[in-house]
N, C-alpha and C. Protein backbone atom coordinates (compact mmCIF):
# COMPACT_ATOMS: atom_id res chain seq x y z
N MET A 1 58.36 -17.18 0.15
CA MET A 1 58.88 -16.46 1.30
C MET A 1 60.16 -17.15 1.77
N ALA A 2 61.21 -16.36 1.96
CA ALA A 2 62.50 -16.92 2.37
C ALA A 2 62.48 -17.29 3.85
N THR A 3 63.20 -18.31 4.19
CA THR A 3 63.36 -18.68 5.59
C THR A 3 64.73 -18.24 6.03
N PRO A 4 64.97 -18.15 7.34
CA PRO A 4 66.27 -17.69 7.82
C PRO A 4 67.44 -18.48 7.27
N SER A 5 67.25 -19.76 6.93
CA SER A 5 68.37 -20.55 6.40
C SER A 5 68.79 -20.06 5.02
N HIS A 6 67.95 -19.27 4.34
CA HIS A 6 68.29 -18.75 3.03
C HIS A 6 68.96 -17.39 3.09
N ALA A 7 69.07 -16.82 4.27
CA ALA A 7 69.70 -15.51 4.42
C ALA A 7 70.70 -15.60 5.57
N ALA A 8 71.85 -15.01 5.36
CA ALA A 8 72.89 -15.02 6.38
C ALA A 8 73.13 -13.60 6.86
N LEU A 9 73.39 -13.45 8.16
CA LEU A 9 73.72 -12.13 8.67
C LEU A 9 75.07 -11.71 8.11
N ARG A 10 75.11 -10.52 7.55
CA ARG A 10 76.32 -9.98 6.95
C ARG A 10 76.54 -8.56 7.44
N LYS A 11 77.80 -8.17 7.54
CA LYS A 11 78.14 -6.79 7.86
C LYS A 11 78.44 -6.08 6.55
N VAL A 12 77.71 -5.01 6.29
CA VAL A 12 77.85 -4.23 5.06
C VAL A 12 78.49 -2.89 5.43
N THR A 13 79.53 -2.50 4.69
CA THR A 13 80.16 -1.19 4.92
C THR A 13 79.94 -0.32 3.70
N LEU A 14 79.44 0.89 3.96
CA LEU A 14 79.17 1.89 2.93
C LEU A 14 80.10 3.08 3.15
N ASN A 15 80.78 3.53 2.11
CA ASN A 15 81.59 4.74 2.18
C ASN A 15 80.99 5.78 1.26
N ALA A 16 81.16 7.06 1.63
CA ALA A 16 80.64 8.15 0.81
C ALA A 16 81.21 8.06 -0.60
N ALA A 17 80.32 8.14 -1.59
CA ALA A 17 80.73 8.12 -3.00
C ALA A 17 81.11 9.54 -3.42
N ARG A 18 81.67 9.65 -4.61
CA ARG A 18 82.01 10.97 -5.13
C ARG A 18 80.76 11.83 -5.21
N SER A 19 80.90 13.08 -4.78
CA SER A 19 79.79 14.03 -4.80
C SER A 19 80.37 15.43 -4.65
N LYS A 20 79.52 16.45 -4.64
CA LYS A 20 80.00 17.81 -4.39
C LYS A 20 80.70 17.89 -3.04
N ALA A 21 80.10 17.25 -2.03
CA ALA A 21 80.67 17.29 -0.67
C ALA A 21 81.96 16.48 -0.59
N PHE A 22 82.06 15.41 -1.38
CA PHE A 22 83.22 14.51 -1.34
C PHE A 22 83.69 14.24 -2.77
N PRO A 23 84.44 15.18 -3.38
CA PRO A 23 84.85 15.03 -4.78
C PRO A 23 85.60 13.72 -5.07
N ASP A 24 86.31 13.19 -4.09
CA ASP A 24 87.04 11.93 -4.28
C ASP A 24 86.41 10.79 -3.50
N GLY A 25 85.18 10.98 -3.01
CA GLY A 25 84.59 9.99 -2.11
C GLY A 25 85.27 10.14 -0.75
N SER A 26 84.89 9.32 0.22
CA SER A 26 85.51 9.41 1.55
C SER A 26 85.37 8.10 2.30
N ILE A 27 86.51 7.60 2.78
CA ILE A 27 86.47 6.41 3.64
C ILE A 27 86.22 6.80 5.09
N ARG A 28 86.21 8.10 5.39
CA ARG A 28 85.97 8.58 6.75
C ARG A 28 84.50 8.92 6.99
N HIS A 29 83.67 8.77 5.96
CA HIS A 29 82.25 9.11 6.07
C HIS A 29 81.43 7.94 5.53
N GLY A 30 80.60 7.38 6.40
CA GLY A 30 79.77 6.27 5.93
C GLY A 30 79.06 5.54 7.05
N TYR A 31 78.69 4.32 6.73
CA TYR A 31 77.90 3.48 7.63
C TYR A 31 78.40 2.06 7.55
N ASP A 32 78.23 1.32 8.63
CA ASP A 32 78.25 -0.12 8.51
C ASP A 32 77.06 -0.64 9.30
N PHE A 33 76.53 -1.75 8.81
CA PHE A 33 75.36 -2.32 9.46
C PHE A 33 75.32 -3.81 9.21
N VAL A 34 74.59 -4.50 10.09
CA VAL A 34 74.41 -5.94 9.98
C VAL A 34 72.98 -6.19 9.51
N ALA A 35 72.84 -7.05 8.49
CA ALA A 35 71.53 -7.38 7.95
C ALA A 35 71.55 -8.80 7.41
N PRO A 36 70.40 -9.47 7.42
CA PRO A 36 70.32 -10.78 6.77
C PRO A 36 70.20 -10.57 5.26
N LEU A 37 71.17 -11.07 4.53
CA LEU A 37 71.16 -10.90 3.08
C LEU A 37 70.93 -12.24 2.38
N THR A 38 70.15 -12.20 1.33
CA THR A 38 69.92 -13.38 0.50
C THR A 38 71.18 -13.61 -0.34
N ALA A 39 71.22 -14.71 -1.05
CA ALA A 39 72.37 -15.04 -1.89
C ALA A 39 72.64 -13.96 -2.94
N ASP A 40 71.58 -13.26 -3.38
CA ASP A 40 71.77 -12.20 -4.38
C ASP A 40 71.98 -10.82 -3.76
N GLY A 41 72.14 -10.77 -2.43
CA GLY A 41 72.51 -9.51 -1.77
C GLY A 41 71.37 -8.64 -1.29
N HIS A 42 70.13 -9.10 -1.36
CA HIS A 42 68.99 -8.30 -0.89
C HIS A 42 68.71 -8.56 0.59
N ILE A 43 68.20 -7.54 1.26
CA ILE A 43 67.82 -7.71 2.67
C ILE A 43 66.59 -8.61 2.73
N ASP A 44 66.63 -9.63 3.58
CA ASP A 44 65.54 -10.59 3.74
C ASP A 44 64.67 -10.15 4.91
N LEU A 45 63.47 -9.66 4.60
CA LEU A 45 62.57 -9.13 5.62
C LEU A 45 62.19 -10.18 6.67
N GLU A 46 61.84 -11.37 6.25
CA GLU A 46 61.41 -12.40 7.21
C GLU A 46 62.55 -12.79 8.15
N ALA A 47 63.75 -12.92 7.60
CA ALA A 47 64.91 -13.23 8.45
C ALA A 47 65.21 -12.05 9.38
N TRP A 48 65.05 -10.81 8.88
CA TRP A 48 65.28 -9.64 9.74
C TRP A 48 64.32 -9.66 10.92
N LYS A 49 63.07 -10.04 10.70
CA LYS A 49 62.08 -10.08 11.79
C LYS A 49 62.56 -11.00 12.91
N GLN A 50 63.26 -12.07 12.56
CA GLN A 50 63.74 -13.02 13.57
C GLN A 50 65.06 -12.59 14.20
N HIS A 51 65.79 -11.68 13.53
CA HIS A 51 67.12 -11.29 14.01
C HIS A 51 67.25 -9.78 14.21
N ARG A 52 66.15 -9.06 14.30
CA ARG A 52 66.22 -7.59 14.32
C ARG A 52 67.12 -7.04 15.43
N GLY A 53 67.17 -7.71 16.57
CA GLY A 53 68.01 -7.24 17.67
C GLY A 53 69.50 -7.39 17.41
N GLU A 54 69.87 -8.14 16.36
CA GLU A 54 71.26 -8.34 15.99
C GLU A 54 71.68 -7.45 14.83
N CYS A 55 70.74 -6.69 14.28
CA CYS A 55 71.00 -5.88 13.09
C CYS A 55 71.48 -4.48 13.49
N PHE A 56 72.70 -4.44 14.00
CA PHE A 56 73.29 -3.20 14.49
C PHE A 56 73.69 -2.29 13.34
N ALA A 57 73.71 -0.99 13.61
CA ALA A 57 74.15 0.01 12.63
C ALA A 57 75.12 0.96 13.32
N HIS A 58 76.01 1.52 12.52
CA HIS A 58 77.05 2.42 13.03
C HIS A 58 77.27 3.48 11.96
N ARG A 59 77.24 4.74 12.38
CA ARG A 59 77.50 5.85 11.45
C ARG A 59 78.82 6.48 11.85
N PHE A 60 79.76 6.56 10.91
CA PHE A 60 81.04 7.24 11.16
C PHE A 60 81.12 8.42 10.20
N TRP A 61 81.42 9.58 10.75
CA TRP A 61 81.33 10.80 9.96
C TRP A 61 82.46 11.75 10.32
N GLY A 62 83.63 11.48 9.76
CA GLY A 62 84.78 12.35 9.99
C GLY A 62 85.11 12.45 11.47
N ASP A 63 85.19 13.68 11.95
CA ASP A 63 85.54 13.92 13.35
C ASP A 63 84.33 13.96 14.28
N GLU A 64 83.12 13.78 13.73
CA GLU A 64 81.92 13.78 14.58
C GLU A 64 81.88 12.50 15.41
N PRO A 65 81.23 12.56 16.57
CA PRO A 65 81.09 11.32 17.36
C PRO A 65 80.31 10.27 16.56
N ALA A 66 80.74 9.02 16.66
CA ALA A 66 80.04 7.92 15.98
C ALA A 66 78.65 7.77 16.58
N MET A 67 77.72 7.35 15.74
CA MET A 67 76.37 7.06 16.22
C MET A 67 76.13 5.57 16.07
N ARG A 68 75.46 4.98 17.04
CA ARG A 68 75.17 3.55 17.02
C ARG A 68 73.67 3.35 17.16
N GLY A 69 73.18 2.31 16.52
CA GLY A 69 71.76 2.04 16.58
C GLY A 69 71.44 0.72 15.91
N LEU A 70 70.27 0.68 15.27
CA LEU A 70 69.78 -0.54 14.65
C LEU A 70 69.26 -0.27 13.24
N LEU A 71 69.30 -1.31 12.41
CA LEU A 71 68.61 -1.28 11.13
C LEU A 71 67.16 -1.63 11.42
N ILE A 72 66.24 -0.76 11.01
CA ILE A 72 64.82 -1.00 11.28
C ILE A 72 64.03 -1.00 9.97
N HIS A 73 62.80 -1.49 10.07
CA HIS A 73 61.93 -1.58 8.89
C HIS A 73 60.58 -0.98 9.25
N HIS A 74 60.05 -0.15 8.35
CA HIS A 74 58.70 0.39 8.49
C HIS A 74 57.86 -0.13 7.34
N ALA A 75 56.75 -0.75 7.65
CA ALA A 75 55.81 -1.15 6.59
C ALA A 75 55.19 0.13 6.04
N GLY A 76 54.82 0.12 4.76
CA GLY A 76 54.25 1.32 4.16
C GLY A 76 55.33 2.32 3.82
N GLY A 77 54.94 3.55 3.57
CA GLY A 77 55.91 4.58 3.23
C GLY A 77 56.22 4.57 1.74
N ARG A 78 57.29 5.27 1.38
CA ARG A 78 57.69 5.36 -0.03
C ARG A 78 57.99 3.97 -0.57
N GLY A 79 57.44 3.65 -1.70
CA GLY A 79 57.73 2.38 -2.35
C GLY A 79 57.18 1.17 -1.63
N GLY A 80 56.28 1.35 -0.67
CA GLY A 80 55.66 0.22 0.01
C GLY A 80 56.26 -0.12 1.35
N SER A 81 57.56 0.13 1.54
CA SER A 81 58.19 -0.08 2.84
C SER A 81 59.50 0.68 2.88
N THR A 82 60.03 0.88 4.07
CA THR A 82 61.23 1.67 4.23
C THR A 82 62.18 1.01 5.23
N TRP A 83 63.44 0.90 4.85
CA TRP A 83 64.49 0.51 5.77
C TRP A 83 65.16 1.78 6.25
N ALA A 84 65.56 1.81 7.51
CA ALA A 84 66.19 3.01 8.07
C ALA A 84 67.18 2.63 9.16
N PHE A 85 68.04 3.59 9.48
CA PHE A 85 68.93 3.45 10.62
C PHE A 85 68.31 4.25 11.75
N GLU A 86 68.10 3.61 12.88
CA GLU A 86 67.54 4.29 14.06
C GLU A 86 68.69 4.45 15.05
N TRP A 87 69.00 5.71 15.37
CA TRP A 87 70.15 5.99 16.22
C TRP A 87 69.75 6.13 17.68
N LYS A 88 70.58 5.62 18.53
CA LYS A 88 70.39 5.74 19.98
C LYS A 88 71.20 6.93 20.47
N GLY A 89 70.60 7.76 21.29
CA GLY A 89 71.32 8.86 21.89
C GLY A 89 71.52 10.06 20.99
N GLY A 90 70.95 10.04 19.79
CA GLY A 90 71.06 11.20 18.91
C GLY A 90 70.09 12.28 19.37
N THR A 91 70.21 13.45 18.80
CA THR A 91 69.23 14.48 19.11
C THR A 91 67.92 14.07 18.47
N LYS A 92 66.85 14.75 18.82
CA LYS A 92 65.54 14.38 18.29
C LYS A 92 65.54 14.36 16.75
N ASP A 93 66.27 15.30 16.13
CA ASP A 93 66.31 15.38 14.67
C ASP A 93 67.20 14.31 14.05
N GLU A 94 68.05 13.67 14.85
CA GLU A 94 69.01 12.71 14.31
C GLU A 94 68.66 11.28 14.67
N GLN A 95 67.43 10.99 15.03
CA GLN A 95 67.11 9.66 15.51
C GLN A 95 66.95 8.63 14.40
N GLU A 96 66.77 9.08 13.16
CA GLU A 96 66.55 8.12 12.09
C GLU A 96 67.03 8.68 10.76
N GLU A 97 67.66 7.80 9.97
CA GLU A 97 68.04 8.15 8.60
C GLU A 97 67.53 7.03 7.70
N GLU A 98 66.91 7.40 6.62
CA GLU A 98 66.21 6.45 5.75
C GLU A 98 67.10 5.97 4.61
N GLY A 99 67.14 4.66 4.40
CA GLY A 99 67.81 4.09 3.24
C GLY A 99 66.88 4.23 2.04
N PHE A 100 67.37 4.82 0.98
CA PHE A 100 66.54 5.05 -0.20
C PHE A 100 66.43 3.75 -1.00
N ARG A 101 65.24 3.16 -1.00
CA ARG A 101 64.94 1.93 -1.74
C ARG A 101 65.89 0.79 -1.38
N PHE A 102 66.27 0.70 -0.10
CA PHE A 102 67.16 -0.38 0.35
C PHE A 102 66.56 -1.75 0.05
N GLY A 103 65.24 -1.86 0.04
CA GLY A 103 64.60 -3.13 -0.24
C GLY A 103 64.78 -3.59 -1.68
N ASP A 104 65.09 -2.66 -2.58
CA ASP A 104 65.24 -2.98 -4.00
C ASP A 104 66.69 -3.23 -4.41
N HIS A 105 67.64 -2.71 -3.64
CA HIS A 105 69.04 -2.74 -4.05
C HIS A 105 69.78 -3.95 -3.50
N PRO A 106 70.63 -4.56 -4.34
CA PRO A 106 71.50 -5.62 -3.81
C PRO A 106 72.69 -4.97 -3.09
N PHE A 107 73.07 -5.54 -1.98
CA PHE A 107 74.23 -5.06 -1.24
C PHE A 107 75.41 -5.96 -1.60
N LYS A 108 76.07 -5.54 -2.69
CA LYS A 108 77.25 -6.25 -3.20
C LYS A 108 78.34 -5.22 -3.41
N VAL A 109 79.60 -5.64 -3.19
CA VAL A 109 80.73 -4.73 -3.35
C VAL A 109 80.68 -4.08 -4.73
N GLY A 110 80.82 -2.75 -4.73
CA GLY A 110 80.81 -1.98 -5.97
C GLY A 110 79.47 -1.35 -6.30
N GLU A 111 78.39 -1.83 -5.68
CA GLU A 111 77.06 -1.26 -5.91
C GLU A 111 76.95 0.09 -5.18
N TYR A 112 76.00 0.91 -5.63
CA TYR A 112 75.75 2.21 -5.00
C TYR A 112 74.36 2.24 -4.41
N VAL A 113 74.23 2.87 -3.24
CA VAL A 113 72.95 3.05 -2.58
C VAL A 113 72.91 4.48 -2.03
N SER A 114 71.73 4.92 -1.66
CA SER A 114 71.59 6.28 -1.11
C SER A 114 70.93 6.24 0.25
N VAL A 115 71.28 7.23 1.07
CA VAL A 115 70.71 7.39 2.40
C VAL A 115 70.20 8.81 2.50
N ARG A 116 68.97 8.96 3.01
CA ARG A 116 68.40 10.29 3.23
C ARG A 116 68.83 10.75 4.62
N GLU A 117 69.69 11.76 4.65
CA GLU A 117 70.21 12.30 5.90
C GLU A 117 69.09 12.95 6.71
N GLU A 118 69.40 13.26 7.96
CA GLU A 118 68.38 13.85 8.84
C GLU A 118 67.85 15.17 8.31
N ASP A 119 68.65 15.90 7.51
CA ASP A 119 68.18 17.18 6.95
C ASP A 119 67.40 16.99 5.65
N GLY A 120 67.19 15.73 5.23
CA GLY A 120 66.42 15.44 4.04
C GLY A 120 67.26 15.28 2.78
N GLU A 121 68.56 15.61 2.86
CA GLU A 121 69.43 15.48 1.69
C GLU A 121 69.71 14.00 1.41
N LEU A 122 69.71 13.65 0.14
CA LEU A 122 69.98 12.28 -0.29
C LEU A 122 71.46 12.20 -0.68
N LEU A 123 72.22 11.36 0.02
CA LEU A 123 73.64 11.17 -0.26
C LEU A 123 73.89 9.76 -0.78
N THR A 124 74.86 9.64 -1.69
CA THR A 124 75.16 8.36 -2.32
C THR A 124 76.38 7.72 -1.66
N PHE A 125 76.30 6.41 -1.49
CA PHE A 125 77.36 5.63 -0.86
C PHE A 125 77.68 4.42 -1.73
N ARG A 126 78.92 3.97 -1.64
CA ARG A 126 79.37 2.78 -2.36
C ARG A 126 79.52 1.65 -1.37
N VAL A 127 79.05 0.46 -1.73
CA VAL A 127 79.24 -0.73 -0.91
C VAL A 127 80.70 -1.13 -1.07
N VAL A 128 81.49 -1.06 0.01
CA VAL A 128 82.91 -1.37 -0.08
C VAL A 128 83.26 -2.74 0.51
N SER A 129 82.38 -3.29 1.36
CA SER A 129 82.63 -4.64 1.84
C SER A 129 81.32 -5.27 2.32
N VAL A 130 81.26 -6.59 2.19
CA VAL A 130 80.17 -7.40 2.69
C VAL A 130 80.82 -8.64 3.28
N GLY A 131 80.71 -8.82 4.61
CA GLY A 131 81.40 -9.94 5.23
C GLY A 131 80.72 -10.42 6.50
N GLN A 132 81.48 -11.15 7.29
CA GLN A 132 80.95 -11.68 8.54
C GLN A 132 80.73 -10.54 9.53
N PRO A 133 79.66 -10.62 10.32
CA PRO A 133 79.41 -9.56 11.32
C PRO A 133 80.44 -9.59 12.44
């Protein structure tokens, strides 16, 4: 089990990858969030438990108002556990968006991850930066 000294809080920025909706990808659509990452780029659950109040999330989506919230963790669910973005002030349907297998993916520049939007659609994002919060 990792201790907090083995994981550092990092700010991760995700931009929309190429898709039908974004044929060239989009730097105007994505997320950034703060999470404790291990040296190999994985989210450290034990460190997150100690720093959950610092794990902020931000959704930027073109001309839509930005949404702010937290990176949260649910035990159980698909694949044994689920990481999600919990939004503050969103409508009831927009309160949470699930990271698809975030626990399995390394958050390193150039990697791809997916987020399940509030309507259930799975969108792909590219990790464009990992740095200081």
